[in-house]
């Protein structure tokens, strides 16, 4: 997967229906394991709640959901569907319910959990994560302005700049742009600078609703 969308940071919403309080939290995570740890953390924090229902979906095609005692299919699946509706991966959502004494019925529960999850996700800052090569290059000071302009134009992520006798640039380049950026850098430095291509990983590429 070259890119995916996730929640940047954490989002929270509250919803009251028929005296039941639904508190939803959504968080972007880097792995399924991190997501499950987050679920455990929130569940522990609200151990006095009637239910802590959740769903998690990651980029390696892993997903999990739980009704946590609610009637089967009325909580976890609606939360998971909210994630799918927003096309989000590497995201964990947990809805904590404090029962208010009035039963909502199966359809009412499913609607409440779906709405609670949707509210938190609609309020969240959504980020695009792009699979990139991390790279490093040394160059002369005079070449730096052209490099920075090209990086701005092509949305290449500048990670670090070190100034010594020359300039050392660390950057993240989307994997599909590697050849054209490599060609540009070799041309800019007249082939005198060697590019050190490192590991691939996901980087924050764009925040959609800043």
N, C-alpha and C. Protein backbone atom coordinates (compact mmCIF):
# COMPACT_ATOMS: atom_id res chain seq x y z
N UNK A 1 0.85 -1.19 0.00
CA UNK A 1 0.00 0.00 0.00
C UNK A 1 0.89 1.24 0.00
N UNK A 2 0.78 2.04 -1.05
CA UNK A 2 1.64 3.21 -1.18
C UNK A 2 1.22 4.35 -0.25
N UNK A 3 -0.06 4.40 0.08
CA UNK A 3 -0.52 5.45 1.00
C UNK A 3 -1.79 5.00 1.69
N UNK A 4 -2.07 5.63 2.79
CA UNK A 4 -3.32 5.34 3.50
C UNK A 4 -3.70 6.57 4.32
N UNK A 5 -4.94 6.57 4.80
CA UNK A 5 -5.43 7.67 5.62
C UNK A 5 -5.65 7.18 7.05
N UNK A 6 -5.36 8.04 8.00
CA UNK A 6 -5.52 7.70 9.40
C UNK A 6 -5.87 8.95 10.19
N UNK A 7 -6.16 8.76 11.46
CA UNK A 7 -6.40 9.89 12.35
C UNK A 7 -5.06 10.41 12.84
N UNK A 8 -4.88 11.70 12.75
CA UNK A 8 -3.67 12.32 13.27
C UNK A 8 -3.91 12.66 14.74
N UNK A 9 -3.13 12.04 15.60
CA UNK A 9 -3.33 12.26 17.03
C UNK A 9 -4.54 11.50 17.54
N UNK A 10 -5.37 12.20 18.29
CA UNK A 10 -6.53 11.56 18.93
C UNK A 10 -7.73 12.49 18.85
N UNK A 11 -8.90 11.90 18.73
CA UNK A 11 -10.14 12.68 18.66
C UNK A 11 -11.14 12.08 19.64
N UNK A 12 -12.02 12.93 20.17
CA UNK A 12 -13.00 12.46 21.13
C UNK A 12 -14.34 13.15 20.92
N UNK A 13 -15.42 12.41 21.14
CA UNK A 13 -16.75 12.99 21.07
C UNK A 13 -17.63 12.35 22.13
N UNK A 14 -18.68 13.07 22.51
CA UNK A 14 -19.64 12.55 23.49
C UNK A 14 -21.04 12.65 22.90
N UNK A 15 -21.84 11.64 23.21
CA UNK A 15 -23.20 11.59 22.69
C UNK A 15 -24.10 11.02 23.79
N UNK A 16 -25.22 11.68 24.04
CA UNK A 16 -26.17 11.19 25.03
C UNK A 16 -27.47 10.82 24.34
N UNK A 17 -27.88 9.57 24.53
CA UNK A 17 -29.12 9.07 23.93
C UNK A 17 -29.91 8.33 25.01
N UNK A 18 -31.11 8.79 25.25
CA UNK A 18 -31.99 8.15 26.25
C UNK A 18 -31.25 7.91 27.57
N UNK A 19 -30.55 8.92 28.01
CA UNK A 19 -29.83 8.95 29.28
C UNK A 19 -28.57 8.07 29.31
N UNK A 20 -28.28 7.34 28.24
CA UNK A 20 -27.00 6.63 28.13
C UNK A 20 -25.96 7.58 27.55
N UNK A 21 -24.77 7.55 28.13
CA UNK A 21 -23.68 8.39 27.65
C UNK A 21 -22.70 7.55 26.85
N UNK A 22 -22.44 7.98 25.62
CA UNK A 22 -21.49 7.31 24.75
C UNK A 22 -20.28 8.23 24.56
N UNK A 23 -19.12 7.77 24.98
CA UNK A 23 -17.88 8.53 24.83
C UNK A 23 -17.01 7.80 23.82
N UNK A 24 -16.73 8.44 22.71
CA UNK A 24 -15.94 7.80 21.67
C UNK A 24 -14.57 8.45 21.55
N UNK A 25 -13.56 7.61 21.45
CA UNK A 25 -12.19 8.07 21.20
C UNK A 25 -11.65 7.37 19.96
N UNK A 26 -10.99 8.13 19.11
CA UNK A 26 -10.35 7.58 17.91
C UNK A 26 -8.90 8.01 17.90
N UNK A 27 -8.01 7.10 17.56
CA UNK A 27 -6.60 7.42 17.58
C UNK A 27 -5.87 6.72 16.43
N UNK A 28 -4.95 7.44 15.80
CA UNK A 28 -4.09 6.84 14.81
C UNK A 28 -2.97 6.07 15.50
N UNK A 29 -2.67 4.87 14.99
CA UNK A 29 -1.64 4.02 15.59
C UNK A 29 -0.70 3.53 14.49
N UNK A 30 0.47 3.04 14.89
CA UNK A 30 1.44 2.56 13.91
C UNK A 30 1.34 1.07 13.67
N UNK A 31 0.63 0.35 14.53
CA UNK A 31 0.53 -1.10 14.36
C UNK A 31 -0.73 -1.62 15.06
N UNK A 32 -1.08 -2.86 14.72
CA UNK A 32 -2.22 -3.51 15.37
C UNK A 32 -1.98 -3.62 16.87
N UNK A 33 -0.75 -3.98 17.24
CA UNK A 33 -0.41 -4.16 18.66
C UNK A 33 -0.55 -2.84 19.43
N UNK A 34 -0.09 -1.75 18.83
CA UNK A 34 -0.23 -0.45 19.48
C UNK A 34 -1.71 -0.08 19.65
N UNK A 35 -2.50 -0.43 18.66
CA UNK A 35 -3.93 -0.15 18.74
C UNK A 35 -4.59 -0.91 19.86
N UNK A 36 -4.21 -2.19 20.03
CA UNK A 36 -4.79 -2.99 21.10
C UNK A 36 -4.36 -2.48 22.47
N UNK A 37 -3.13 -2.00 22.57
CA UNK A 37 -2.68 -1.41 23.83
C UNK A 37 -3.48 -0.17 24.17
N UNK A 38 -3.81 0.61 23.15
CA UNK A 38 -4.63 1.80 23.36
C UNK A 38 -6.03 1.41 23.85
N UNK A 39 -6.60 0.38 23.23
CA UNK A 39 -7.92 -0.09 23.63
C UNK A 39 -7.89 -0.53 25.10
N UNK A 40 -6.86 -1.27 25.48
CA UNK A 40 -6.74 -1.73 26.87
C UNK A 40 -6.60 -0.54 27.82
N UNK A 41 -5.84 0.45 27.42
CA UNK A 41 -5.64 1.63 28.26
C UNK A 41 -6.95 2.36 28.53
N UNK A 42 -7.73 2.59 27.48
CA UNK A 42 -9.00 3.31 27.64
C UNK A 42 -10.01 2.45 28.41
N UNK A 43 -10.03 1.16 28.12
CA UNK A 43 -10.94 0.26 28.84
C UNK A 43 -10.64 0.26 30.33
N UNK A 44 -9.35 0.27 30.66
CA UNK A 44 -8.95 0.30 32.07
C UNK A 44 -9.34 1.63 32.72
N UNK A 45 -9.17 2.70 31.96
CA UNK A 45 -9.52 4.03 32.47
C UNK A 45 -11.01 4.11 32.78
N UNK A 46 -11.82 3.43 31.97
CA UNK A 46 -13.28 3.44 32.14
C UNK A 46 -13.76 2.05 32.56
N UNK A 47 -13.08 1.46 33.53
CA UNK A 47 -13.46 0.12 34.00
C UNK A 47 -14.83 0.12 34.69
N UNK A 48 -15.29 1.31 35.08
CA UNK A 48 -16.60 1.42 35.73
C UNK A 48 -17.74 1.55 34.72
N UNK A 49 -17.41 1.61 33.42
CA UNK A 49 -18.44 1.77 32.40
C UNK A 49 -19.20 0.47 32.20
N UNK A 50 -20.37 0.57 31.60
CA UNK A 50 -21.17 -0.61 31.31
C UNK A 50 -20.55 -1.42 30.18
N UNK A 51 -20.05 -0.72 29.17
CA UNK A 51 -19.44 -1.40 28.03
C UNK A 51 -18.29 -0.54 27.48
N UNK A 52 -17.26 -1.20 26.97
CA UNK A 52 -16.19 -0.56 26.21
C UNK A 52 -16.05 -1.33 24.89
N UNK A 53 -16.73 -0.85 23.88
CA UNK A 53 -16.78 -1.54 22.59
C UNK A 53 -15.80 -0.87 21.63
N UNK A 54 -15.23 -1.65 20.72
CA UNK A 54 -14.17 -1.06 19.90
C UNK A 54 -14.06 -1.73 18.53
N UNK A 55 -13.26 -1.09 17.70
CA UNK A 55 -12.85 -1.66 16.41
C UNK A 55 -11.49 -1.09 16.07
N UNK A 56 -10.69 -1.91 15.41
CA UNK A 56 -9.37 -1.48 14.96
C UNK A 56 -9.14 -2.03 13.55
N UNK A 57 -8.48 -1.24 12.72
CA UNK A 57 -8.22 -1.63 11.33
C UNK A 57 -6.83 -1.12 10.95
N UNK A 58 -5.98 -2.02 10.43
CA UNK A 58 -4.60 -1.64 10.11
C UNK A 58 -4.28 -1.92 8.65
N UNK A 59 -3.13 -1.40 8.21
CA UNK A 59 -2.77 -1.49 6.80
C UNK A 59 -2.33 -2.89 6.38
N UNK A 60 -2.04 -3.74 7.35
CA UNK A 60 -1.66 -5.11 7.01
C UNK A 60 -2.87 -6.05 7.01
N UNK A 61 -4.02 -5.47 6.73
CA UNK A 61 -5.28 -6.22 6.59
C UNK A 61 -5.71 -6.94 7.86
N UNK A 62 -5.33 -6.39 8.99
CA UNK A 62 -5.80 -6.92 10.27
C UNK A 62 -6.91 -6.01 10.80
N UNK A 63 -7.92 -6.63 11.32
CA UNK A 63 -9.00 -5.87 11.93
C UNK A 63 -9.61 -6.71 13.06
N UNK A 64 -10.15 -6.01 14.03
CA UNK A 64 -10.77 -6.67 15.16
C UNK A 64 -11.82 -5.75 15.73
N UNK A 65 -12.91 -6.35 16.22
CA UNK A 65 -13.94 -5.54 16.86
C UNK A 65 -14.54 -6.33 18.01
N UNK A 66 -15.17 -5.62 18.92
CA UNK A 66 -15.78 -6.26 20.09
C UNK A 66 -17.06 -5.55 20.49
N UNK A 67 -18.08 -6.34 20.84
CA UNK A 67 -19.33 -5.80 21.36
C UNK A 67 -19.28 -5.65 22.87
N UNK A 68 -18.30 -6.25 23.52
CA UNK A 68 -18.11 -6.15 24.97
C UNK A 68 -19.41 -6.27 25.76
N UNK A 69 -20.17 -7.32 25.45
CA UNK A 69 -21.39 -7.57 26.22
C UNK A 69 -22.66 -7.02 25.64
N UNK A 70 -22.55 -6.12 24.68
CA UNK A 70 -23.75 -5.65 23.98
C UNK A 70 -24.26 -6.79 23.08
N UNK A 71 -25.53 -6.78 22.68
CA UNK A 71 -26.03 -7.81 21.76
C UNK A 71 -25.15 -7.91 20.51
N UNK A 72 -24.93 -9.13 20.06
CA UNK A 72 -24.02 -9.37 18.94
C UNK A 72 -24.39 -8.53 17.72
N UNK A 73 -23.38 -7.87 17.17
CA UNK A 73 -23.55 -7.09 15.95
C UNK A 73 -24.05 -5.67 16.15
N UNK A 74 -24.26 -5.25 17.41
CA UNK A 74 -24.84 -3.92 17.63
C UNK A 74 -23.80 -2.85 17.96
N UNK A 75 -22.54 -3.23 18.17
CA UNK A 75 -21.55 -2.24 18.61
C UNK A 75 -20.26 -2.30 17.79
N UNK A 76 -19.54 -3.40 17.90
CA UNK A 76 -18.25 -3.50 17.24
C UNK A 76 -18.33 -3.34 15.73
N UNK A 77 -19.28 -4.01 15.12
CA UNK A 77 -19.40 -3.93 13.66
C UNK A 77 -19.80 -2.53 13.18
N UNK A 78 -20.74 -1.85 13.82
CA UNK A 78 -21.02 -0.47 13.40
C UNK A 78 -19.81 0.46 13.56
N UNK A 79 -19.00 0.23 14.60
CA UNK A 79 -17.79 1.05 14.77
C UNK A 79 -16.81 0.77 13.64
N UNK A 80 -16.62 -0.52 13.32
CA UNK A 80 -15.74 -0.89 12.23
C UNK A 80 -16.22 -0.31 10.90
N UNK A 81 -17.53 -0.33 10.69
CA UNK A 81 -18.08 0.21 9.45
C UNK A 81 -17.82 1.71 9.34
N UNK A 82 -17.82 2.41 10.49
CA UNK A 82 -17.51 3.85 10.48
C UNK A 82 -16.09 4.08 10.00
N UNK A 83 -15.16 3.20 10.41
CA UNK A 83 -13.78 3.29 9.92
C UNK A 83 -13.71 3.05 8.42
N UNK A 84 -14.45 2.06 7.96
CA UNK A 84 -14.45 1.75 6.52
C UNK A 84 -15.08 2.87 5.71
N UNK A 85 -16.12 3.47 6.25
CA UNK A 85 -16.79 4.57 5.53
C UNK A 85 -15.84 5.74 5.29
N UNK A 86 -14.90 5.95 6.22
CA UNK A 86 -13.92 7.04 6.08
C UNK A 86 -12.63 6.57 5.42
N UNK A 87 -12.59 5.26 5.05
CA UNK A 87 -11.41 4.68 4.41
C UNK A 87 -10.16 4.86 5.26
N UNK A 88 -10.28 4.57 6.55
CA UNK A 88 -9.18 4.77 7.48
C UNK A 88 -8.51 3.44 7.84
N UNK A 89 -7.19 3.49 7.94
CA UNK A 89 -6.40 2.36 8.39
C UNK A 89 -5.52 2.82 9.54
N UNK A 90 -4.87 1.84 10.19
CA UNK A 90 -4.03 2.15 11.36
C UNK A 90 -4.75 3.11 12.31
N UNK A 91 -5.97 2.75 12.59
CA UNK A 91 -6.82 3.58 13.45
C UNK A 91 -7.59 2.69 14.42
N UNK A 92 -7.62 3.09 15.67
CA UNK A 92 -8.38 2.39 16.70
C UNK A 92 -9.49 3.30 17.20
N UNK A 93 -10.68 2.75 17.36
CA UNK A 93 -11.83 3.50 17.86
C UNK A 93 -12.47 2.71 19.00
N UNK A 94 -12.69 3.37 20.11
CA UNK A 94 -13.35 2.74 21.25
C UNK A 94 -14.49 3.63 21.73
N UNK A 95 -15.65 3.00 21.93
CA UNK A 95 -16.83 3.72 22.42
C UNK A 95 -17.17 3.17 23.80
N UNK A 96 -17.12 4.05 24.78
CA UNK A 96 -17.45 3.72 26.16
C UNK A 96 -18.90 4.11 26.43
N UNK A 97 -19.66 3.14 26.95
CA UNK A 97 -21.08 3.44 27.23
C UNK A 97 -21.36 3.34 28.73
N UNK A 98 -21.98 4.38 29.24
CA UNK A 98 -22.53 4.37 30.59
C UNK A 98 -24.05 4.26 30.45
N UNK A 99 -24.59 3.12 30.83
CA UNK A 99 -26.01 2.84 30.64
C UNK A 99 -26.86 3.77 31.50
N UNK A 100 -27.90 4.32 30.86
CA UNK A 100 -28.75 5.29 31.55
C UNK A 100 -30.06 4.74 32.05
N UNK A 101 -30.26 3.43 31.90
CA UNK A 101 -31.47 2.82 32.44
C UNK A 101 -32.57 2.57 31.43
N UNK A 102 -32.42 3.08 30.21
CA UNK A 102 -33.43 2.87 29.16
C UNK A 102 -32.82 2.04 28.04
N UNK A 103 -33.42 0.89 27.77
CA UNK A 103 -32.91 0.03 26.70
C UNK A 103 -33.22 0.63 25.33
N UNK A 104 -32.26 0.52 24.43
CA UNK A 104 -32.41 1.13 23.10
C UNK A 104 -32.85 0.14 22.03
N UNK A 105 -32.78 -1.16 22.33
CA UNK A 105 -33.10 -2.15 21.31
C UNK A 105 -31.92 -2.32 20.36
N UNK A 106 -31.92 -3.40 19.61
CA UNK A 106 -30.79 -3.72 18.74
C UNK A 106 -30.53 -2.63 17.71
N UNK A 107 -31.58 -2.19 17.03
CA UNK A 107 -31.38 -1.16 16.00
C UNK A 107 -30.97 0.16 16.61
N UNK A 108 -31.52 0.49 17.77
CA UNK A 108 -31.14 1.73 18.45
C UNK A 108 -29.70 1.71 18.91
N UNK A 109 -29.25 0.55 19.40
CA UNK A 109 -27.85 0.43 19.81
C UNK A 109 -26.90 0.58 18.62
N UNK A 110 -27.21 -0.14 17.55
CA UNK A 110 -26.35 -0.07 16.36
C UNK A 110 -26.26 1.36 15.85
N UNK A 111 -27.37 2.06 15.84
CA UNK A 111 -27.39 3.45 15.39
C UNK A 111 -26.57 4.34 16.32
N UNK A 112 -26.69 4.11 17.63
CA UNK A 112 -25.97 4.93 18.61
C UNK A 112 -24.46 4.74 18.48
N UNK A 113 -24.02 3.49 18.36
CA UNK A 113 -22.58 3.25 18.24
C UNK A 113 -22.03 3.76 16.91
N UNK A 114 -22.81 3.61 15.85
CA UNK A 114 -22.39 4.12 14.56
C UNK A 114 -22.27 5.64 14.58
N UNK A 115 -23.26 6.30 15.17
CA UNK A 115 -23.25 7.76 15.24
C UNK A 115 -22.12 8.27 16.12
N UNK A 116 -21.90 7.59 17.24
CA UNK A 116 -20.82 8.00 18.14
C UNK A 116 -19.47 7.91 17.45
N UNK A 117 -19.21 6.79 16.76
CA UNK A 117 -17.94 6.63 16.05
C UNK A 117 -17.81 7.64 14.92
N UNK A 118 -18.89 7.85 14.18
CA UNK A 118 -18.86 8.81 13.07
C UNK A 118 -18.57 10.22 13.58
N UNK A 119 -19.16 10.59 14.71
CA UNK A 119 -18.93 11.92 15.26
C UNK A 119 -17.45 12.14 15.58
N UNK A 120 -16.83 11.16 16.24
CA UNK A 120 -15.41 11.29 16.59
C UNK A 120 -14.54 11.35 15.36
N UNK A 121 -14.86 10.55 14.36
CA UNK A 121 -14.05 10.54 13.14
C UNK A 121 -14.26 11.81 12.32
N UNK A 122 -15.47 12.33 12.32
CA UNK A 122 -15.72 13.58 11.60
C UNK A 122 -15.00 14.76 12.24
N UNK A 123 -14.81 14.70 13.54
CA UNK A 123 -14.10 15.78 14.25
C UNK A 123 -12.59 15.61 14.20
N UNK A 124 -12.13 14.43 13.81
CA UNK A 124 -10.69 14.14 13.82
C UNK A 124 -9.97 14.85 12.69
N UNK A 125 -8.69 15.08 12.92
CA UNK A 125 -7.83 15.57 11.85
C UNK A 125 -7.34 14.35 11.07
N UNK A 126 -7.66 14.31 9.79
CA UNK A 126 -7.30 13.15 8.96
C UNK A 126 -5.99 13.43 8.25
N UNK A 127 -5.10 12.43 8.28
CA UNK A 127 -3.79 12.59 7.67
C UNK A 127 -3.55 11.52 6.62
N UNK A 128 -2.86 11.91 5.55
CA UNK A 128 -2.41 10.95 4.55
C UNK A 128 -0.99 10.53 4.88
N UNK A 129 -0.78 9.24 5.00
CA UNK A 129 0.54 8.68 5.23
C UNK A 129 1.04 8.07 3.93
N UNK A 130 2.25 8.42 3.54
CA UNK A 130 2.79 7.95 2.26
C UNK A 130 4.04 7.10 2.49
N UNK A 131 4.12 5.98 1.78
CA UNK A 131 5.30 5.12 1.87
C UNK A 131 6.45 5.80 1.14
N UNK A 132 7.54 6.04 1.86
CA UNK A 132 8.67 6.80 1.34
C UNK A 132 10.00 6.09 1.58
N UNK A 133 10.96 6.41 0.73
CA UNK A 133 12.34 6.08 1.01
C UNK A 133 12.94 7.22 1.82
N UNK A 134 13.61 6.88 2.89
CA UNK A 134 14.41 7.88 3.59
C UNK A 134 15.74 7.96 2.86
N UNK A 135 16.27 9.17 2.68
CA UNK A 135 17.50 9.34 1.90
C UNK A 135 18.36 10.46 2.47
N UNK A 136 19.61 10.47 2.01
CA UNK A 136 20.58 11.45 2.51
C UNK A 136 21.51 11.85 1.36
N UNK A 137 21.83 13.14 1.29
CA UNK A 137 22.75 13.61 0.26
C UNK A 137 23.55 14.79 0.79
N UNK A 138 24.82 14.88 0.39
CA UNK A 138 25.67 16.03 0.70
C UNK A 138 25.80 16.87 -0.56
N UNK A 139 25.79 18.20 -0.41
CA UNK A 139 25.89 19.07 -1.58
C UNK A 139 26.51 20.41 -1.19
N UNK A 140 26.81 21.20 -2.20
CA UNK A 140 27.36 22.52 -1.98
C UNK A 140 26.26 23.51 -1.61
N UNK A 141 26.65 24.55 -0.88
CA UNK A 141 25.67 25.55 -0.43
C UNK A 141 24.94 26.19 -1.61
N UNK A 142 25.63 26.42 -2.70
CA UNK A 142 25.03 27.11 -3.84
C UNK A 142 23.91 26.29 -4.49
N UNK A 143 23.91 24.99 -4.24
CA UNK A 143 22.90 24.12 -4.85
C UNK A 143 21.62 24.02 -4.00
N UNK A 144 21.71 24.50 -2.78
CA UNK A 144 20.60 24.31 -1.84
C UNK A 144 19.29 25.00 -2.26
N UNK A 145 19.30 26.27 -2.72
CA UNK A 145 18.03 26.92 -3.07
C UNK A 145 17.22 26.16 -4.12
N UNK A 146 17.90 25.63 -5.15
CA UNK A 146 17.18 24.88 -6.18
C UNK A 146 16.59 23.59 -5.61
N UNK A 147 17.34 22.95 -4.72
CA UNK A 147 16.84 21.72 -4.11
C UNK A 147 15.60 22.01 -3.28
N UNK A 148 15.64 23.04 -2.46
CA UNK A 148 14.51 23.36 -1.60
C UNK A 148 13.27 23.72 -2.41
N UNK A 149 13.47 24.45 -3.50
CA UNK A 149 12.35 24.80 -4.36
C UNK A 149 11.73 23.56 -4.99
N UNK A 150 12.56 22.64 -5.46
CA UNK A 150 12.05 21.41 -6.07
C UNK A 150 11.32 20.55 -5.03
N UNK A 151 11.87 20.50 -3.82
CA UNK A 151 11.22 19.74 -2.76
C UNK A 151 9.84 20.32 -2.43
N UNK A 152 9.74 21.65 -2.42
CA UNK A 152 8.43 22.28 -2.18
C UNK A 152 7.46 21.97 -3.31
N UNK A 153 7.93 22.04 -4.53
CA UNK A 153 7.07 21.80 -5.69
C UNK A 153 6.56 20.36 -5.72
N UNK A 154 7.43 19.41 -5.39
CA UNK A 154 7.09 17.99 -5.48
C UNK A 154 6.65 17.38 -4.16
N UNK A 155 6.55 18.21 -3.12
CA UNK A 155 6.14 17.75 -1.79
C UNK A 155 7.04 16.64 -1.26
N UNK A 156 8.34 16.85 -1.43
CA UNK A 156 9.32 15.95 -0.82
C UNK A 156 9.52 16.39 0.62
N UNK A 157 9.54 15.45 1.54
CA UNK A 157 9.57 15.78 2.96
C UNK A 157 11.01 16.02 3.42
N UNK A 158 11.29 17.22 3.87
CA UNK A 158 12.61 17.56 4.38
C UNK A 158 12.66 17.17 5.85
N UNK A 159 13.58 16.26 6.19
CA UNK A 159 13.66 15.74 7.56
C UNK A 159 14.69 16.47 8.40
N UNK A 160 15.84 16.79 7.80
CA UNK A 160 16.90 17.40 8.58
C UNK A 160 17.89 18.09 7.64
N UNK A 161 18.48 19.17 8.11
CA UNK A 161 19.52 19.89 7.37
C UNK A 161 20.68 20.18 8.31
N UNK A 162 21.88 19.77 7.90
CA UNK A 162 23.08 20.01 8.70
C UNK A 162 24.07 20.82 7.88
N UNK A 163 24.60 21.88 8.51
CA UNK A 163 25.50 22.79 7.82
C UNK A 163 26.92 22.63 8.38
N UNK A 164 27.82 22.19 7.53
CA UNK A 164 29.25 22.12 7.87
C UNK A 164 30.01 22.73 6.70
N UNK A 165 31.03 22.06 6.21
CA UNK A 165 31.72 22.53 5.00
C UNK A 165 30.81 22.40 3.79
N UNK A 166 29.88 21.50 3.88
CA UNK A 166 28.87 21.34 2.85
C UNK A 166 27.51 21.25 3.55
N UNK A 167 26.47 21.00 2.80
CA UNK A 167 25.13 20.87 3.36
C UNK A 167 24.70 19.40 3.27
N UNK A 168 24.27 18.86 4.38
CA UNK A 168 23.77 17.49 4.39
C UNK A 168 22.26 17.53 4.56
N UNK A 169 21.57 16.93 3.61
CA UNK A 169 20.11 16.94 3.60
C UNK A 169 19.61 15.52 3.82
N UNK A 170 18.69 15.37 4.76
CA UNK A 170 17.97 14.12 4.92
C UNK A 170 16.52 14.37 4.53
N UNK A 171 15.96 13.49 3.72
CA UNK A 171 14.61 13.71 3.23
C UNK A 171 13.88 12.38 3.05
N UNK A 172 12.57 12.48 2.88
CA UNK A 172 11.73 11.32 2.62
C UNK A 172 11.06 11.53 1.27
N UNK A 173 11.26 10.56 0.39
CA UNK A 173 10.76 10.66 -0.98
C UNK A 173 9.74 9.53 -1.23
N UNK A 174 8.53 9.85 -1.66
CA UNK A 174 7.57 8.79 -1.99
C UNK A 174 8.20 7.77 -2.94
N UNK A 175 7.95 6.51 -2.69
CA UNK A 175 8.65 5.46 -3.45
C UNK A 175 8.43 5.61 -4.95
N UNK A 176 7.26 6.08 -5.35
CA UNK A 176 6.99 6.19 -6.78
C UNK A 176 7.72 7.37 -7.43
N UNK A 177 8.28 8.27 -6.61
CA UNK A 177 8.99 9.45 -7.14
C UNK A 177 10.51 9.30 -7.07
N UNK A 178 10.98 8.13 -6.65
CA UNK A 178 12.42 7.98 -6.44
C UNK A 178 13.24 8.26 -7.70
N UNK A 179 12.86 7.70 -8.82
CA UNK A 179 13.66 7.84 -10.04
C UNK A 179 13.77 9.29 -10.49
N UNK A 180 12.66 10.02 -10.48
CA UNK A 180 12.73 11.40 -10.96
C UNK A 180 13.49 12.30 -9.99
N UNK A 181 13.38 12.04 -8.68
CA UNK A 181 14.13 12.84 -7.71
C UNK A 181 15.61 12.50 -7.79
N UNK A 182 15.91 11.24 -7.98
CA UNK A 182 17.31 10.85 -8.11
C UNK A 182 17.93 11.49 -9.36
N UNK A 183 17.18 11.50 -10.44
CA UNK A 183 17.67 12.13 -11.67
C UNK A 183 17.89 13.62 -11.47
N UNK A 184 16.96 14.29 -10.79
CA UNK A 184 17.11 15.72 -10.52
C UNK A 184 18.34 16.00 -9.67
N UNK A 185 18.56 15.22 -8.62
CA UNK A 185 19.68 15.46 -7.72
C UNK A 185 21.02 15.20 -8.41
N UNK A 186 21.08 14.19 -9.23
CA UNK A 186 22.32 13.91 -9.96
C UNK A 186 22.63 15.02 -10.95
N UNK A 187 21.57 15.55 -11.57
CA UNK A 187 21.75 16.67 -12.49
C UNK A 187 22.17 17.93 -11.74
N UNK A 188 21.53 18.19 -10.61
CA UNK A 188 21.82 19.39 -9.82
C UNK A 188 23.27 19.41 -9.34
N UNK A 189 23.76 18.27 -8.94
CA UNK A 189 25.13 18.19 -8.39
C UNK A 189 26.14 17.74 -9.42
N UNK A 190 25.73 17.67 -10.69
CA UNK A 190 26.61 17.24 -11.78
C UNK A 190 27.23 15.87 -11.50
N UNK A 191 26.46 15.04 -10.82
CA UNK A 191 26.90 13.69 -10.53
C UNK A 191 27.98 13.57 -9.47
N UNK A 192 28.28 14.68 -8.80
CA UNK A 192 29.36 14.66 -7.82
C UNK A 192 28.90 14.20 -6.42
N UNK A 193 27.60 14.26 -6.19
CA UNK A 193 27.07 13.87 -4.88
C UNK A 193 26.38 12.52 -4.98
N UNK A 194 26.64 11.68 -4.02
CA UNK A 194 26.03 10.36 -3.99
C UNK A 194 24.83 10.37 -3.05
N UNK A 195 23.74 9.80 -3.52
CA UNK A 195 22.53 9.72 -2.72
C UNK A 195 22.55 8.41 -1.94
N UNK A 196 22.33 8.51 -0.66
CA UNK A 196 22.26 7.32 0.18
C UNK A 196 20.79 7.00 0.45
N UNK A 197 20.29 5.98 -0.24
CA UNK A 197 18.89 5.58 -0.05
C UNK A 197 18.81 4.60 1.11
N UNK A 198 17.89 4.85 2.02
CA UNK A 198 17.78 4.01 3.22
C UNK A 198 16.46 3.25 3.20
N UNK A 199 15.96 2.92 4.38
CA UNK A 199 14.78 2.07 4.49
C UNK A 199 13.51 2.77 4.04
N UNK A 200 12.52 1.96 3.74
CA UNK A 200 11.18 2.48 3.43
C UNK A 200 10.34 2.50 4.69
N UNK A 201 9.57 3.58 4.87
CA UNK A 201 8.61 3.65 5.96
C UNK A 201 7.57 4.70 5.63
N UNK A 202 6.50 4.70 6.40
CA UNK A 202 5.44 5.67 6.17
C UNK A 202 5.73 6.98 6.89
N UNK A 203 5.45 8.07 6.18
CA UNK A 203 5.62 9.41 6.75
C UNK A 203 4.34 10.19 6.54
N UNK A 204 4.10 11.13 7.47
CA UNK A 204 2.97 12.03 7.33
C UNK A 204 3.21 12.89 6.08
N UNK A 205 2.31 12.78 5.12
CA UNK A 205 2.48 13.46 3.84
C UNK A 205 1.58 14.67 3.70
N UNK A 206 0.37 14.56 4.25
CA UNK A 206 -0.57 15.66 4.05
C UNK A 206 -1.66 15.57 5.10
N UNK A 207 -1.98 16.70 5.73
CA UNK A 207 -3.11 16.77 6.65
C UNK A 207 -4.29 17.34 5.88
N UNK A 208 -5.37 16.60 5.80
CA UNK A 208 -6.45 16.97 4.88
C UNK A 208 -7.35 18.07 5.39
N UNK A 209 -7.42 18.27 6.70
CA UNK A 209 -8.36 19.28 7.22
C UNK A 209 -7.70 20.14 8.28
N UNK A 210 -6.48 20.62 7.98
CA UNK A 210 -5.79 21.53 8.93
C UNK A 210 -6.62 22.82 9.04
